[in-house]
Amino acid sequence: MLKIVRQNAGFNQRQVARQLGHCNATLLWHWENDKKMPSGIALIKLCAFYGKEVRDLYPQYYLDAKKRFVDQQGDTPLN
């Protein structure tokens, strides 16, 4: 999803990497291809840059985490 968001925003990997303060696009490629996950700070930067929420950039991870909380608590978590 991260790659789609970037492409829809009209940026290439190098442009986004520079905006996030990275020297090259290799790390961004790893994030987009699920080889690595961004750090918490990098994820915040990605969300701010694209104007998106975590659930928009990584919907499956968000849904998996939400399901785990529901299973553990027996309640529906906030949002």
N, C-alpha and C. Protein backbone atom coordinates (compact mmCIF):
# COMPACT_ATOMS: atom_id res chain seq x y z
N MET A 1 0.82 -1.19 0.00
CA MET A 1 0.00 0.00 0.00
C MET A 1 0.87 1.26 0.00
N LEU A 2 2.00 1.20 0.68
CA LEU A 2 2.89 2.36 0.76
C LEU A 2 3.35 2.79 -0.64
N LYS A 3 3.66 1.84 -1.47
CA LYS A 3 4.09 2.16 -2.84
C LYS A 3 2.96 2.82 -3.62
N ILE A 4 1.76 2.31 -3.47
CA ILE A 4 0.60 2.87 -4.18
C ILE A 4 0.34 4.30 -3.72
N VAL A 5 0.43 4.53 -2.42
CA VAL A 5 0.23 5.88 -1.89
C VAL A 5 1.27 6.83 -2.48
N ARG A 6 2.53 6.38 -2.52
CA ARG A 6 3.60 7.22 -3.09
C ARG A 6 3.33 7.53 -4.56
N GLN A 7 3.00 6.50 -5.32
CA GLN A 7 2.75 6.69 -6.75
C GLN A 7 1.55 7.60 -7.00
N ASN A 8 0.50 7.41 -6.22
CA ASN A 8 -0.69 8.26 -6.37
C ASN A 8 -0.39 9.71 -6.02
N ALA A 9 0.58 9.92 -5.13
CA ALA A 9 0.97 11.28 -4.75
C ALA A 9 1.91 11.90 -5.79
N GLY A 10 2.39 11.09 -6.74
CA GLY A 10 3.22 11.60 -7.81
C GLY A 10 4.70 11.75 -7.49
N PHE A 11 5.18 10.97 -6.52
CA PHE A 11 6.59 11.04 -6.12
C PHE A 11 7.32 9.77 -6.52
N ASN A 12 8.63 9.90 -6.74
CA ASN A 12 9.45 8.71 -6.89
C ASN A 12 10.11 8.42 -5.54
N GLN A 13 10.74 7.27 -5.42
CA GLN A 13 11.33 6.88 -4.13
C GLN A 13 12.40 7.85 -3.68
N ARG A 14 13.21 8.32 -4.59
CA ARG A 14 14.30 9.24 -4.23
C ARG A 14 13.75 10.53 -3.64
N GLN A 15 12.68 11.06 -4.21
CA GLN A 15 12.08 12.29 -3.70
C GLN A 15 11.56 12.11 -2.28
N VAL A 16 10.88 11.00 -2.04
CA VAL A 16 10.35 10.75 -0.70
C VAL A 16 11.48 10.54 0.29
N ALA A 17 12.49 9.78 -0.11
CA ALA A 17 13.64 9.53 0.77
C ALA A 17 14.28 10.84 1.19
N ARG A 18 14.46 11.75 0.26
CA ARG A 18 15.06 13.05 0.59
C ARG A 18 14.18 13.84 1.56
N GLN A 19 12.87 13.82 1.32
CA GLN A 19 11.96 14.55 2.21
C GLN A 19 12.00 13.99 3.63
N LEU A 20 12.23 12.69 3.75
CA LEU A 20 12.28 12.05 5.07
C LEU A 20 13.66 12.15 5.70
N GLY A 21 14.63 12.68 4.97
CA GLY A 21 15.97 12.85 5.51
C GLY A 21 16.89 11.67 5.29
N HIS A 22 16.60 10.83 4.30
CA HIS A 22 17.46 9.69 3.98
C HIS A 22 18.31 10.02 2.76
N CYS A 23 19.49 9.45 2.70
CA CYS A 23 20.42 9.73 1.61
C CYS A 23 19.99 9.10 0.29
N ASN A 24 19.38 7.92 0.36
CA ASN A 24 18.98 7.25 -0.88
C ASN A 24 17.65 6.53 -0.68
N ALA A 25 17.16 5.93 -1.74
CA ALA A 25 15.83 5.33 -1.74
C ALA A 25 15.81 3.86 -1.33
N THR A 26 16.95 3.29 -1.00
CA THR A 26 17.01 1.86 -0.68
C THR A 26 16.10 1.50 0.49
N LEU A 27 16.16 2.28 1.55
CA LEU A 27 15.34 1.98 2.72
C LEU A 27 13.85 2.07 2.38
N LEU A 28 13.49 3.06 1.62
CA LEU A 28 12.09 3.20 1.21
C LEU A 28 11.65 2.00 0.39
N TRP A 29 12.52 1.51 -0.49
CA TRP A 29 12.21 0.32 -1.27
C TRP A 29 11.94 -0.86 -0.33
N HIS A 30 12.73 -1.02 0.70
CA HIS A 30 12.53 -2.11 1.67
C HIS A 30 11.17 -1.97 2.36
N TRP A 31 10.82 -0.75 2.73
CA TRP A 31 9.51 -0.53 3.37
C TRP A 31 8.37 -0.86 2.42
N GLU A 32 8.48 -0.41 1.19
CA GLU A 32 7.41 -0.63 0.21
C GLU A 32 7.24 -2.09 -0.17
N ASN A 33 8.28 -2.86 -0.05
CA ASN A 33 8.24 -4.27 -0.44
C ASN A 33 8.19 -5.22 0.75
N ASP A 34 7.84 -4.68 1.92
CA ASP A 34 7.69 -5.47 3.16
C ASP A 34 8.93 -6.27 3.52
N LYS A 35 10.10 -5.72 3.20
CA LYS A 35 11.36 -6.35 3.60
C LYS A 35 11.75 -5.87 4.99
N LYS A 36 11.40 -4.64 5.31
CA LYS A 36 11.64 -4.03 6.61
C LYS A 36 10.45 -3.13 6.93
N MET A 37 10.28 -2.87 8.22
CA MET A 37 9.25 -1.93 8.66
C MET A 37 9.93 -0.63 9.08
N PRO A 38 9.29 0.51 8.81
CA PRO A 38 9.87 1.77 9.26
C PRO A 38 9.84 1.86 10.79
N SER A 39 10.79 2.59 11.34
CA SER A 39 10.78 2.85 12.78
C SER A 39 9.56 3.69 13.12
N GLY A 40 9.29 3.84 14.38
CA GLY A 40 8.16 4.67 14.80
C GLY A 40 8.27 6.10 14.30
N ILE A 41 9.46 6.67 14.42
CA ILE A 41 9.69 8.04 13.94
C ILE A 41 9.51 8.12 12.43
N ALA A 42 10.07 7.15 11.71
CA ALA A 42 9.93 7.15 10.25
C ALA A 42 8.46 6.99 9.84
N LEU A 43 7.72 6.18 10.58
CA LEU A 43 6.30 6.00 10.27
C LEU A 43 5.52 7.30 10.49
N ILE A 44 5.86 8.01 11.55
CA ILE A 44 5.23 9.31 11.80
C ILE A 44 5.54 10.27 10.65
N LYS A 45 6.80 10.27 10.20
CA LYS A 45 7.19 11.13 9.08
C LYS A 45 6.44 10.76 7.81
N LEU A 46 6.32 9.46 7.54
CA LEU A 46 5.58 9.01 6.36
C LEU A 46 4.13 9.48 6.42
N CYS A 47 3.49 9.29 7.57
CA CYS A 47 2.09 9.70 7.73
C CYS A 47 1.94 11.21 7.52
N ALA A 48 2.86 11.99 8.10
CA ALA A 48 2.79 13.44 7.95
C ALA A 48 3.04 13.86 6.50
N PHE A 49 4.01 13.24 5.87
CA PHE A 49 4.36 13.58 4.48
C PHE A 49 3.19 13.32 3.54
N TYR A 50 2.57 12.15 3.68
CA TYR A 50 1.47 11.78 2.78
C TYR A 50 0.10 12.28 3.26
N GLY A 51 0.03 12.78 4.50
CA GLY A 51 -1.26 13.19 5.04
C GLY A 51 -2.19 12.02 5.27
N LYS A 52 -1.61 10.90 5.70
CA LYS A 52 -2.36 9.66 5.90
C LYS A 52 -2.20 9.17 7.33
N GLU A 53 -3.05 8.23 7.72
CA GLU A 53 -2.97 7.55 9.00
C GLU A 53 -2.21 6.23 8.82
N VAL A 54 -1.74 5.66 9.93
CA VAL A 54 -1.04 4.38 9.88
C VAL A 54 -1.90 3.34 9.20
N ARG A 55 -3.17 3.31 9.52
CA ARG A 55 -4.07 2.31 8.94
C ARG A 55 -4.19 2.46 7.42
N ASP A 56 -3.91 3.65 6.89
CA ASP A 56 -3.93 3.86 5.44
C ASP A 56 -2.66 3.32 4.78
N LEU A 57 -1.53 3.47 5.45
CA LEU A 57 -0.25 3.06 4.88
C LEU A 57 0.03 1.58 5.06
N TYR A 58 -0.41 1.03 6.18
CA TYR A 58 -0.19 -0.39 6.49
C TYR A 58 -1.49 -1.02 6.98
N PRO A 59 -2.51 -1.12 6.12
CA PRO A 59 -3.82 -1.58 6.57
C PRO A 59 -3.82 -2.98 7.16
N GLN A 60 -3.07 -3.90 6.61
CA GLN A 60 -3.11 -5.27 7.12
C GLN A 60 -2.49 -5.36 8.52
N TYR A 61 -1.38 -4.66 8.73
CA TYR A 61 -0.77 -4.67 10.06
C TYR A 61 -1.69 -4.02 11.08
N TYR A 62 -2.37 -2.96 10.66
CA TYR A 62 -3.31 -2.28 11.55
C TYR A 62 -4.47 -3.20 11.91
N LEU A 63 -5.04 -3.87 10.91
CA LEU A 63 -6.17 -4.77 11.18
C LEU A 63 -5.76 -5.96 12.03
N ASP A 64 -4.56 -6.50 11.79
CA ASP A 64 -4.06 -7.61 12.61
C ASP A 64 -3.90 -7.19 14.06
N ALA A 65 -3.32 -6.01 14.28
CA ALA A 65 -3.13 -5.51 15.64
C ALA A 65 -4.47 -5.26 16.32
N LYS A 66 -5.39 -4.67 15.59
CA LYS A 66 -6.72 -4.39 16.14
C LYS A 66 -7.43 -5.69 16.52
N LYS A 67 -7.33 -6.70 15.67
CA LYS A 67 -7.96 -7.99 15.97
C LYS A 67 -7.35 -8.61 17.22
N ARG A 68 -6.03 -8.52 17.35
CA ARG A 68 -5.37 -9.06 18.54
C ARG A 68 -5.88 -8.41 19.81
N PHE A 69 -6.06 -7.09 19.78
CA PHE A 69 -6.56 -6.38 20.96
C PHE A 69 -7.98 -6.79 21.28
N VAL A 70 -8.80 -6.95 20.26
CA VAL A 70 -10.19 -7.38 20.47
C VAL A 70 -10.20 -8.78 21.07
N ASP A 71 -9.39 -9.68 20.52
CA ASP A 71 -9.33 -11.06 21.02
C ASP A 71 -8.86 -11.10 22.47
N GLN A 72 -7.91 -10.26 22.83
CA GLN A 72 -7.36 -10.26 24.19
C GLN A 72 -8.31 -9.60 25.18
N GLN A 73 -8.98 -8.53 24.76
CA GLN A 73 -9.80 -7.75 25.68
C GLN A 73 -11.27 -8.16 25.66
N GLY A 74 -11.69 -8.76 24.58
CA GLY A 74 -13.10 -9.10 24.46
C GLY A 74 -13.98 -7.89 24.18
N ASP A 75 -13.36 -6.76 23.95
CA ASP A 75 -14.07 -5.52 23.65
C ASP A 75 -13.59 -4.99 22.31
N THR A 76 -14.33 -4.05 21.78
CA THR A 76 -13.87 -3.36 20.59
C THR A 76 -13.04 -2.17 21.04
N PRO A 77 -11.79 -2.08 20.59
CA PRO A 77 -10.97 -0.93 20.98
C PRO A 77 -11.46 0.34 20.32
N LEU A 78 -10.99 1.47 20.80
CA LEU A 78 -11.34 2.74 20.18
C LEU A 78 -10.81 2.75 18.76
N ASN A 79 -11.65 3.10 17.82
CA ASN A 79 -11.27 3.15 16.40
C ASN A 79 -10.53 1.91 16.03
